PDB file of N, CA and C in Angstrom:
ATOM      1  N   MET A   1     -10.379  -3.275  -7.706  1.00  0.00           N
ATOM      2  CA  MET A   1     -10.760  -3.819  -6.526  1.00  0.00           C
ATOM      3  C   MET A   1     -11.014  -3.137  -5.453  1.00  0.00           C
ATOM      4  N   VAL A   2     -12.061  -3.149  -4.583  1.00  0.00           N
ATOM      5  CA  VAL A   2     -12.516  -2.348  -3.459  1.00  0.00           C
ATOM      6  C   VAL A   2     -12.325  -3.592  -2.088  1.00  0.00           C
ATOM      7  N   PHE A   3     -11.612  -3.095  -1.438  1.00  0.00           N
ATOM      8  CA  PHE A   3     -11.349  -3.820  -0.171  1.00  0.00           C
ATOM      9  C   PHE A   3     -12.336  -3.458   1.327  1.00  0.00           C
ATOM     10  N   SER A   4     -12.801  -4.206   2.098  1.00  0.00           N
ATOM     11  CA  SER A   4     -13.512  -4.089   3.100  1.00  0.00           C
ATOM     12  C   SER A   4     -12.756  -3.239   4.046  1.00  0.00           C
ATOM     13  N   GLU A   5     -13.408  -2.487   4.998  1.00  0.00           N
ATOM     14  CA  GLU A   5     -12.829  -1.940   5.904  1.00  0.00           C
ATOM     15  C   GLU A   5     -12.001  -2.741   6.660  1.00  0.00           C
ATOM     16  N   LYS A   6     -12.718  -3.781   6.969  1.00  0.00           N
ATOM     17  CA  LYS A   6     -11.805  -4.810   8.041  1.00  0.00           C
ATOM     18  C   LYS A   6     -10.533  -5.062   7.421  1.00  0.00           C
ATOM     19  N   VAL A   7     -10.500  -5.447   6.082  1.00  0.00           N
ATOM     20  CA  VAL A   7      -9.214  -5.854   5.391  1.00  0.00           C
ATOM     21  C   VAL A   7      -8.041  -4.670   5.299  1.00  0.00           C
ATOM     22  N   ILE A   8      -8.602  -3.654   5.146  1.00  0.00           N
ATOM     23  CA  ILE A   8      -7.677  -2.358   4.972  1.00  0.00           C
ATOM     24  C   ILE A   8      -7.042  -2.229   6.653  1.00  0.00           C
ATOM     25  N   GLU A   9      -8.042  -2.332   7.615  1.00  0.00           N
ATOM     26  CA  GLU A   9      -7.502  -1.940   8.981  1.00  0.00           C
ATOM     27  C   GLU A   9      -6.418  -3.079   9.421  1.00  0.00           C
ATOM     28  N   GLN A  10      -6.643  -4.324   8.770  1.00  0.00           N
ATOM     29  CA  GLN A  10      -5.802  -5.645   9.273  1.00  0.00           C
ATOM     30  C   GLN A  10      -4.639  -5.263   8.654  1.00  0.00           C
ATOM     31  N   ALA A  11      -4.705  -4.819   7.190  1.00  0.00           N
ATOM     32  CA  ALA A  11      -3.263  -4.891   6.106  1.00  0.00           C
ATOM     33  C   ALA A  11      -2.722  -3.700   6.933  1.00  0.00           C
ATOM     34  N   TRP A  12      -3.262  -2.489   7.304  1.00  0.00           N
ATOM     35  CA  TRP A  12      -2.599  -1.416   8.010  1.00  0.00           C
ATOM     36  C   TRP A  12      -1.982  -1.609   9.266  1.00  0.00           C
ATOM     37  N   ASN A  13      -2.401  -2.495  10.036  1.00  0.00           N
ATOM     38  CA  ASN A  13      -1.984  -3.012  11.405  1.00  0.00           C
ATOM     39  C   ASN A  13      -0.759  -3.952  11.024  1.00  0.00           C
ATOM     40  N   ARG A  14      -0.792  -4.646  10.093  1.00  0.00           N
ATOM     41  CA  ARG A  14       0.163  -5.595   9.803  1.00  0.00           C
ATOM     42  C   ARG A  14       1.604  -4.519   9.054  1.00  0.00           C
ATOM     43  N   ALA A  15       1.029  -3.638   8.699  1.00  0.00           N
ATOM     44  CA  ALA A  15       2.208  -2.517   7.926  1.00  0.00           C
ATOM     45  C   ALA A  15       2.715  -1.809   9.047  1.00  0.00           C
ATOM     46  N   LYS A  16       1.960  -1.633   9.907  1.00  0.00           N
ATOM     47  CA  LYS A  16       2.651  -0.741  11.238  1.00  0.00           C
ATOM     48  C   LYS A  16       2.822   0.782  10.666  1.00  0.00           C
ATOM     49  N   GLY A  17       1.908   1.245   9.684  1.00  0.00           N
ATOM     50  CA  GLY A  17       1.659   2.698   9.491  1.00  0.00           C
ATOM     51  C   GLY A  17       2.830   2.921   8.199  1.00  0.00           C
ATOM     52  N   LYS A  18       3.383   2.039   7.821  1.00  0.00           N
ATOM     53  CA  LYS A  18       4.343   2.387   6.668  1.00  0.00           C
ATOM     54  C   LYS A  18       4.119   1.530   5.314  1.00  0.00           C
ATOM     55  N   CYS A  19       4.759   2.060   4.103  1.00  0.00           N
ATOM     56  CA  CYS A  19       4.657   1.503   2.967  1.00  0.00           C
ATOM     57  C   CYS A  19       5.494  -0.031   2.763  1.00  0.00           C
ATOM     58  N   GLU A  20       4.535  -0.695   2.432  1.00  0.00           N
ATOM     59  CA  GLU A  20       5.173  -1.845   2.312  1.00  0.00           C
ATOM     60  C   GLU A  20       6.012  -2.338   1.045  1.00  0.00           C
ATOM     61  N   CYS A  21       5.945  -1.382  -0.174  1.00  0.00           N
ATOM     62  CA  CYS A  21       6.525  -1.760  -1.056  1.00  0.00           C
ATOM     63  C   CYS A  21       7.893  -2.045  -1.230  1.00  0.00           C
ATOM     64  N   GLN A  22       8.480  -3.166  -1.837  1.00  0.00           N
ATOM     65  CA  GLN A  22       9.467  -4.224  -1.805  1.00  0.00           C
ATOM     66  C   GLN A  22      10.237  -4.174  -3.388  1.00  0.00           C
ATOM     67  N   LYS A  23       9.151  -3.387  -4.175  1.00  0.00           N
ATOM     68  CA  LYS A  23       9.478  -3.436  -5.624  1.00  0.00           C
ATOM     69  C   LYS A  23      11.192  -3.045  -6.081  1.00  0.00           C
ATOM     70  N   LEU A  24      11.833  -3.922  -6.691  1.00  0.00           N
ATOM     71  CA  LEU A  24      13.379  -3.677  -6.837  1.00  0.00           C
ATOM     72  C   LEU A  24      13.526  -2.689  -7.799  1.00  0.00           C
ATOM     73  N   ASN A  25      12.635  -2.250  -8.869  1.00  0.00           N
ATOM     74  CA  ASN A  25      12.796  -1.544  -9.740  1.00  0.00           C
ATOM     75  C   ASN A  25      12.233  -0.005  -8.935  1.00  0.00           C
ATOM     76  N   HIS A  26      12.062   0.115  -7.970  1.00  0.00           N
ATOM     77  CA  HIS A  26      11.733   1.320  -7.147  1.00  0.00           C
ATOM     78  C   HIS A  26      13.039   1.831  -6.686  1.00  0.00           C
ATOM     79  N   LYS A  27      13.909   0.858  -6.404  1.00  0.00           N
ATOM     80  CA  LYS A  27      15.208   1.322  -6.014  1.00  0.00           C
ATOM     81  C   LYS A  27      15.135   1.989  -4.196  1.00  0.00           C
ATOM     82  N   HIS A  28      14.332   1.066  -3.493  1.00  0.00           N
ATOM     83  CA  HIS A  28      14.404   1.652  -2.153  1.00  0.00           C
ATOM     84  C   HIS A  28      15.734   1.298  -1.571  1.00  0.00           C
ATOM     85  N   PRO A  29      16.429   2.049  -0.905  1.00  0.00           N
ATOM     86  CA  PRO A  29      17.749   1.740  -0.219  1.00  0.00           C
ATOM     87  C   PRO A  29      17.749   0.623   0.695  1.00  0.00           C
ATOM     88  N   THR A  30      16.787   0.303   1.431  1.00  0.00           N
ATOM     89  CA  THR A  30      17.080  -0.519   2.446  1.00  0.00           C
ATOM     90  C   THR A  30      16.205  -2.077   1.438  1.00  0.00           C
ATOM     91  N   GLY A  31      15.863  -1.817   0.646  1.00  0.00           N
ATOM     92  CA  GLY A  31      14.829  -2.815  -0.078  1.00  0.00           C
ATOM     93  C   GLY A  31      13.367  -2.978   0.292  1.00  0.00           C
ATOM     94  N   LYS A  32      12.997  -2.049   1.011  1.00  0.00           N
ATOM     95  CA  LYS A  32      11.438  -1.832   1.539  1.00  0.00           C
ATOM     96  C   LYS A  32      11.215  -0.348   1.783  1.00  0.00           C
ATOM     97  N   CYS A  33      10.237   0.324   1.043  1.00  0.00           N
ATOM     98  CA  CYS A  33      10.075   1.875   1.127  1.00  0.00           C
ATOM     99  C   CYS A  33       9.856   2.302   2.691  1.00  0.00           C
ATOM    100  N   GLY A  34       9.002   1.545   3.321  1.00  0.00           N
ATOM    101  CA  GLY A  34       9.008   1.841   4.855  1.00  0.00           C
ATOM    102  C   GLY A  34       8.582   3.821   4.798  1.00  0.00           C
ATOM    103  N   LYS A  35       8.227   4.426   4.408  1.00  0.00           N
ATOM    104  CA  LYS A  35       7.774   5.695   4.336  1.00  0.00           C
ATOM    105  C   LYS A  35       6.597   5.352   5.417  1.00  0.00           C
ATOM    106  N   GLU A  36       6.832   6.430   6.176  1.00  0.00           N
ATOM    107  CA  GLU A  36       5.751   6.689   7.414  1.00  0.00           C
ATOM    108  C   GLU A  36       4.220   7.381   6.615  1.00  0.00           C
ATOM    109  N   LEU A  37       3.443   6.461   7.235  1.00  0.00           N
ATOM    110  CA  LEU A  37       2.016   7.097   6.641  1.00  0.00           C
ATOM    111  C   LEU A  37       1.097   7.616   7.665  1.00  0.00           C
ATOM    112  N   VAL A  38      -0.257   8.148   7.412  1.00  0.00           N
ATOM    113  CA  VAL A  38      -1.113   8.615   8.073  1.00  0.00           C
ATOM    114  C   VAL A  38      -2.404   8.049   7.602  1.00  0.00           C
ATOM    115  N   PHE A  39      -3.077   7.260   8.888  1.00  0.00           N
ATOM    116  CA  PHE A  39      -3.992   6.486   8.457  1.00  0.00           C
ATOM    117  C   PHE A  39      -5.293   7.380   7.891  1.00  0.00           C
ATOM    118  N   THR A  40      -5.588   8.719   8.332  1.00  0.00           N
ATOM    119  CA  THR A  40      -6.544   9.348   7.797  1.00  0.00           C
ATOM    120  C   THR A  40      -6.352   9.962   6.238  1.00  0.00           C
ATOM    121  N   ASN A  41      -5.231   9.570   5.685  1.00  0.00           N
ATOM    122  CA  ASN A  41      -4.796  10.314   4.439  1.00  0.00           C
ATOM    123  C   ASN A  41      -4.943   9.211   3.465  1.00  0.00           C
ATOM    124  N   ARG A  42      -5.771   8.139   3.669  1.00  0.00           N
ATOM    125  CA  ARG A  42      -6.022   7.177   2.780  1.00  0.00           C
ATOM    126  C   ARG A  42      -6.893   8.088   1.600  1.00  0.00           C
ATOM    127  N   ASN A  43      -6.391   7.963   0.307  1.00  0.00           N
ATOM    128  CA  ASN A  43      -6.996   8.322  -1.190  1.00  0.00           C
ATOM    129  C   ASN A  43      -7.340   9.923  -0.525  1.00  0.00           C
ATOM    130  N   ARG A  44      -6.265  10.534  -0.042  1.00  0.00           N
ATOM    131  CA  ARG A  44      -6.421  12.008   0.177  1.00  0.00           C
ATOM    132  C   ARG A  44      -5.175  12.515  -0.352  1.00  0.00           C
ATOM    133  N   GLU A  45      -4.948  13.842  -0.165  1.00  0.00           N
ATOM    134  CA  GLU A  45      -3.698  14.733  -0.101  1.00  0.00           C
ATOM    135  C   GLU A  45      -3.242  15.055   1.115  1.00  0.00           C
ATOM    136  N   GLY A  46      -2.015  15.387   1.217  1.00  0.00           N
ATOM    137  CA  GLY A  46      -1.345  15.694   2.215  1.00  0.00           C
ATOM    138  C   GLY A  46      -0.090  14.713   2.819  1.00  0.00           C
ATOM    139  N   ARG A  47       0.794  14.894   3.700  1.00  0.00           N
ATOM    140  CA  ARG A  47       1.835  14.194   4.123  1.00  0.00           C
ATOM    141  C   ARG A  47       1.092  12.834   4.437  1.00  0.00           C
ATOM    142  N   GLY A  48       1.841  11.788   4.052  1.00  0.00           N
ATOM    143  CA  GLY A  48       1.640  10.438   4.705  1.00  0.00           C
ATOM    144  C   GLY A  48       0.772   9.850   3.977  1.00  0.00           C
ATOM    145  N   ARG A  49       0.016  10.556   2.629  1.00  0.00           N
ATOM    146  CA  ARG A  49      -0.997   9.666   2.065  1.00  0.00           C
ATOM    147  C   ARG A  49      -0.553   8.463   1.229  1.00  0.00           C
ATOM    148  N   TRP A  50      -1.844   7.506   1.101  1.00  0.00           N
ATOM    149  CA  TRP A  50      -1.546   6.232   0.757  1.00  0.00           C
ATOM    150  C   TRP A  50      -2.661   5.411   0.040  1.00  0.00           C
ATOM    151  N   GLU A  51      -2.453   4.323  -0.315  1.00  0.00           N
ATOM    152  CA  GLU A  51      -3.394   3.468  -0.934  1.00  0.00           C
ATOM    153  C   GLU A  51      -3.509   2.165  -0.648  1.00  0.00           C
ATOM    154  N   ALA A  52      -4.378   1.271  -0.863  1.00  0.00           N
ATOM    155  CA  ALA A  52      -4.694  -0.006  -0.578  1.00  0.00           C
ATOM    156  C   ALA A  52      -4.522  -0.452  -1.626  1.00  0.00           C
ATOM    157  N   ARG A  53      -3.568  -1.608  -2.458  1.00  0.00           N
ATOM    158  CA  ARG A  53      -3.484  -1.854  -3.612  1.00  0.00           C
ATOM    159  C   ARG A  53      -3.597  -3.593  -3.472  1.00  0.00           C
ATOM    160  N   PRO A  54      -4.346  -4.079  -4.428  1.00  0.00           N
ATOM    161  CA  PRO A  54      -4.368  -5.688  -4.629  1.00  0.00           C
ATOM    162  C   PRO A  54      -3.285  -6.070  -5.191  1.00  0.00           C
ATOM    163  N   ILE A  55      -2.829  -7.185  -4.644  1.00  0.00           N
ATOM    164  CA  ILE A  55      -1.592  -8.006  -5.413  1.00  0.00           C
ATOM    165  C   ILE A  55      -1.816  -8.840  -6.548  1.00  0.00           C
ATOM    166  N   SER A  56      -2.978  -9.237  -6.542  1.00  0.00           N
ATOM    167  CA  SER A  56      -3.647  -9.830  -7.653  1.00  0.00           C
ATOM    168  C   SER A  56      -4.881  -9.578  -7.515  1.00  0.00           C
ATOM    169  N   LYS A  57      -5.468  -9.862  -8.864  1.00  0.00           N
ATOM    170  CA  LYS A  57      -6.743  -9.663  -9.244  1.00  0.00           C
ATOM    171  C   LYS A  57      -7.811 -10.734  -8.978  1.00  0.00           C
ATOM    172  N   THR A  58      -6.977 -11.849  -8.777  1.00  0.00           N
ATOM    173  CA  THR A  58      -7.887 -13.126  -8.350  1.00  0.00           C
ATOM    174  C   THR A  58      -7.977 -13.655  -7.250  1.00  0.00           C
ATOM    175  N   PHE A  59      -7.313 -12.713  -6.045  1.00  0.00           N
ATOM    176  CA  PHE A  59      -7.326 -13.138  -4.815  1.00  0.00           C
ATOM    177  C   PHE A  59      -8.412 -12.708  -4.045  1.00  0.00           C
ATOM    178  N   GLY A  60      -9.088 -11.744  -4.296  1.00  0.00           N
ATOM    179  CA  GLY A  60     -10.271 -11.161  -3.408  1.00  0.00           C
ATOM    180  C   GLY A  60     -10.032 -10.127  -2.534  1.00  0.00           C
ATOM    181  N   ASP A  61     -11.066 -10.176  -1.639  1.00  0.00           N
ATOM    182  CA  ASP A  61     -11.112  -9.382  -0.290  1.00  0.00           C
ATOM    183  C   ASP A  61     -10.447  -9.713   0.941  1.00  0.00           C
ATOM    184  N   THR A  62      -9.222 -10.172   1.023  1.00  0.00           N
ATOM    185  CA  THR A  62      -8.484 -10.631   2.025  1.00  0.00           C
ATOM    186  C   THR A  62      -7.000  -9.892   2.194  1.00  0.00           C
ATOM    187  N   ILE A  63      -6.743  -9.948   3.546  1.00  0.00           N
ATOM    188  CA  ILE A  63      -5.686  -9.441   4.088  1.00  0.00           C
ATOM    189  C   ILE A  63      -4.452  -9.784   3.277  1.00  0.00           C
ATOM    190  N   TYR A  64      -4.389 -11.063   2.740  1.00  0.00           N
ATOM    191  CA  TYR A  64      -3.199 -11.575   1.986  1.00  0.00           C
ATOM    192  C   TYR A  64      -2.879 -11.241   0.345  1.00  0.00           C
ATOM    193  N   ASN A  65      -4.222 -10.222   0.192  1.00  0.00           N
ATOM    194  CA  ASN A  65      -4.001  -9.737  -1.132  1.00  0.00           C
ATOM    195  C   ASN A  65      -3.961  -8.107  -1.003  1.00  0.00           C
ATOM    196  N   CYS A  66      -3.923  -7.822   0.052  1.00  0.00           N
ATOM    197  CA  CYS A  66      -4.018  -6.105   0.324  1.00  0.00           C
ATOM    198  C   CYS A  66      -2.633  -5.497   0.782  1.00  0.00           C
ATOM    199  N   GLU A  67      -2.222  -4.712   0.030  1.00  0.00           N
ATOM    200  CA  GLU A  67      -0.888  -4.173   0.256  1.00  0.00           C
ATOM    201  C   GLU A  67      -0.984  -2.710   0.522  1.00  0.00           C
ATOM    202  N   ILE A  68      -0.481  -2.226   1.449  1.00  0.00           N
ATOM    203  CA  ILE A  68      -0.387  -0.666   1.422  1.00  0.00           C
ATOM    204  C   ILE A  68       0.872   0.069   1.058  1.00  0.00           C
ATOM    205  N   LEU A  69       0.587   0.908   0.424  1.00  0.00           N
ATOM    206  CA  LEU A  69       1.368   1.726  -0.496  1.00  0.00           C
ATOM    207  C   LEU A  69       1.527   3.184  -0.459  1.00  0.00           C
ATOM    208  N   CYS A  70       2.681   3.766   0.073  1.00  0.00           N
ATOM    209  CA  CYS A  70       2.647   5.201  -0.190  1.00  0.00           C
ATOM    210  C   CYS A  70       2.092   5.930  -1.569  1.00  0.00           C
ATOM    211  N   ALA A  71       1.634   7.135  -1.544  1.00  0.00           N
ATOM    212  CA  ALA A  71       1.339   7.473  -2.849  1.00  0.00           C
ATOM    213  C   ALA A  71       2.245   7.543  -4.155  1.00  0.00           C
ATOM    214  N   ASN A  72       3.389   7.483  -3.809  1.00  0.00           N
ATOM    215  CA  ASN A  72       4.440   7.428  -5.034  1.00  0.00           C
ATOM    216  C   ASN A  72       4.849   6.082  -5.128  1.00  0.00           C
ATOM    217  N   CYS A  73       4.642   5.262  -4.426  1.00  0.00           N
ATOM    218  CA  CYS A  73       4.772   3.702  -4.643  1.00  0.00           C
ATOM    219  C   CYS A  73       3.525   3.204  -5.621  1.00  0.00           C
ATOM    220  N   TYR A  74       2.223   3.651  -4.958  1.00  0.00           N
ATOM    221  CA  TYR A  74       1.295   3.515  -5.760  1.00  0.00           C
ATOM    222  C   TYR A  74       1.239   3.902  -7.187  1.00  0.00           C
ATOM    223  N   LYS A  75       1.869   5.176  -7.472  1.00  0.00           N
ATOM    224  CA  LYS A  75       1.575   6.032  -8.506  1.00  0.00           C
ATOM    225  C   LYS A  75       2.429   5.205  -9.506  1.00  0.00           C
ATOM    226  N   LEU A  76       3.649   4.507  -9.017  1.00  0.00           N
ATOM    227  CA  LEU A  76       4.763   3.732  -9.932  1.00  0.00           C
ATOM    228  C   LEU A  76       4.146   2.492 -10.233  1.00  0.00           C
ATOM    229  N   THR A  77       3.299   2.168  -9.319  1.00  0.00           N
ATOM    230  CA  THR A  77       2.732   0.700  -9.736  1.00  0.00           C
ATOM    231  C   THR A  77       1.759   0.654 -10.891  1.00  0.00           C
ATOM    232  N   LEU A  78       1.072   1.785 -11.028  1.00  0.00           N
ATOM    233  CA  LEU A  78       0.140   1.818 -12.006  1.00  0.00           C
ATOM    234  C   LEU A  78       0.409   1.562 -13.616  1.00  0.00           C
ATOM    235  N   TYR A  79       1.806   1.907 -13.553  1.00  0.00           N
ATOM    236  CA  TYR A  79       2.646   2.057 -14.994  1.00  0.00           C
ATOM    237  C   TYR A  79       3.093   0.879 -15.366  1.00  0.00           C
ATOM    238  N   GLU A  80       3.243  -0.098 -14.030  1.00  0.00           N
ATOM    239  CA  GLU A  80       3.967  -1.540 -14.271  1.00  0.00           C
ATOM    240  C   GLU A  80       2.803  -2.753 -14.603  1.00  0.00           C
ATOM    241  N   ARG A  81       1.806  -2.379 -14.671  1.00  0.00           N
ATOM    242  CA  ARG A  81       0.737  -3.725 -15.042  1.00  0.00           C
ATOM    243  C   ARG A  81       0.850  -3.780 -16.503  1.00  0.00           C
TER     244      ARG A  81
END
């Protein structure tokens, strides 16, 4: 799933620059990852890198289907599908 820049920006603003992961099996201490991210490090290396992940394959290019995840949480979700 490729998201439009508009949807990614809306999701980023909703996330307030933090990882939105709430997966229980990731064992986040507060229930949500919340790791600080760097906007310019999407799909890149470096501190605060992150990815935009679709929640469902069927909901399309919408803010409701776009989840902002740190690189570590994103990598863990790749093996959960």
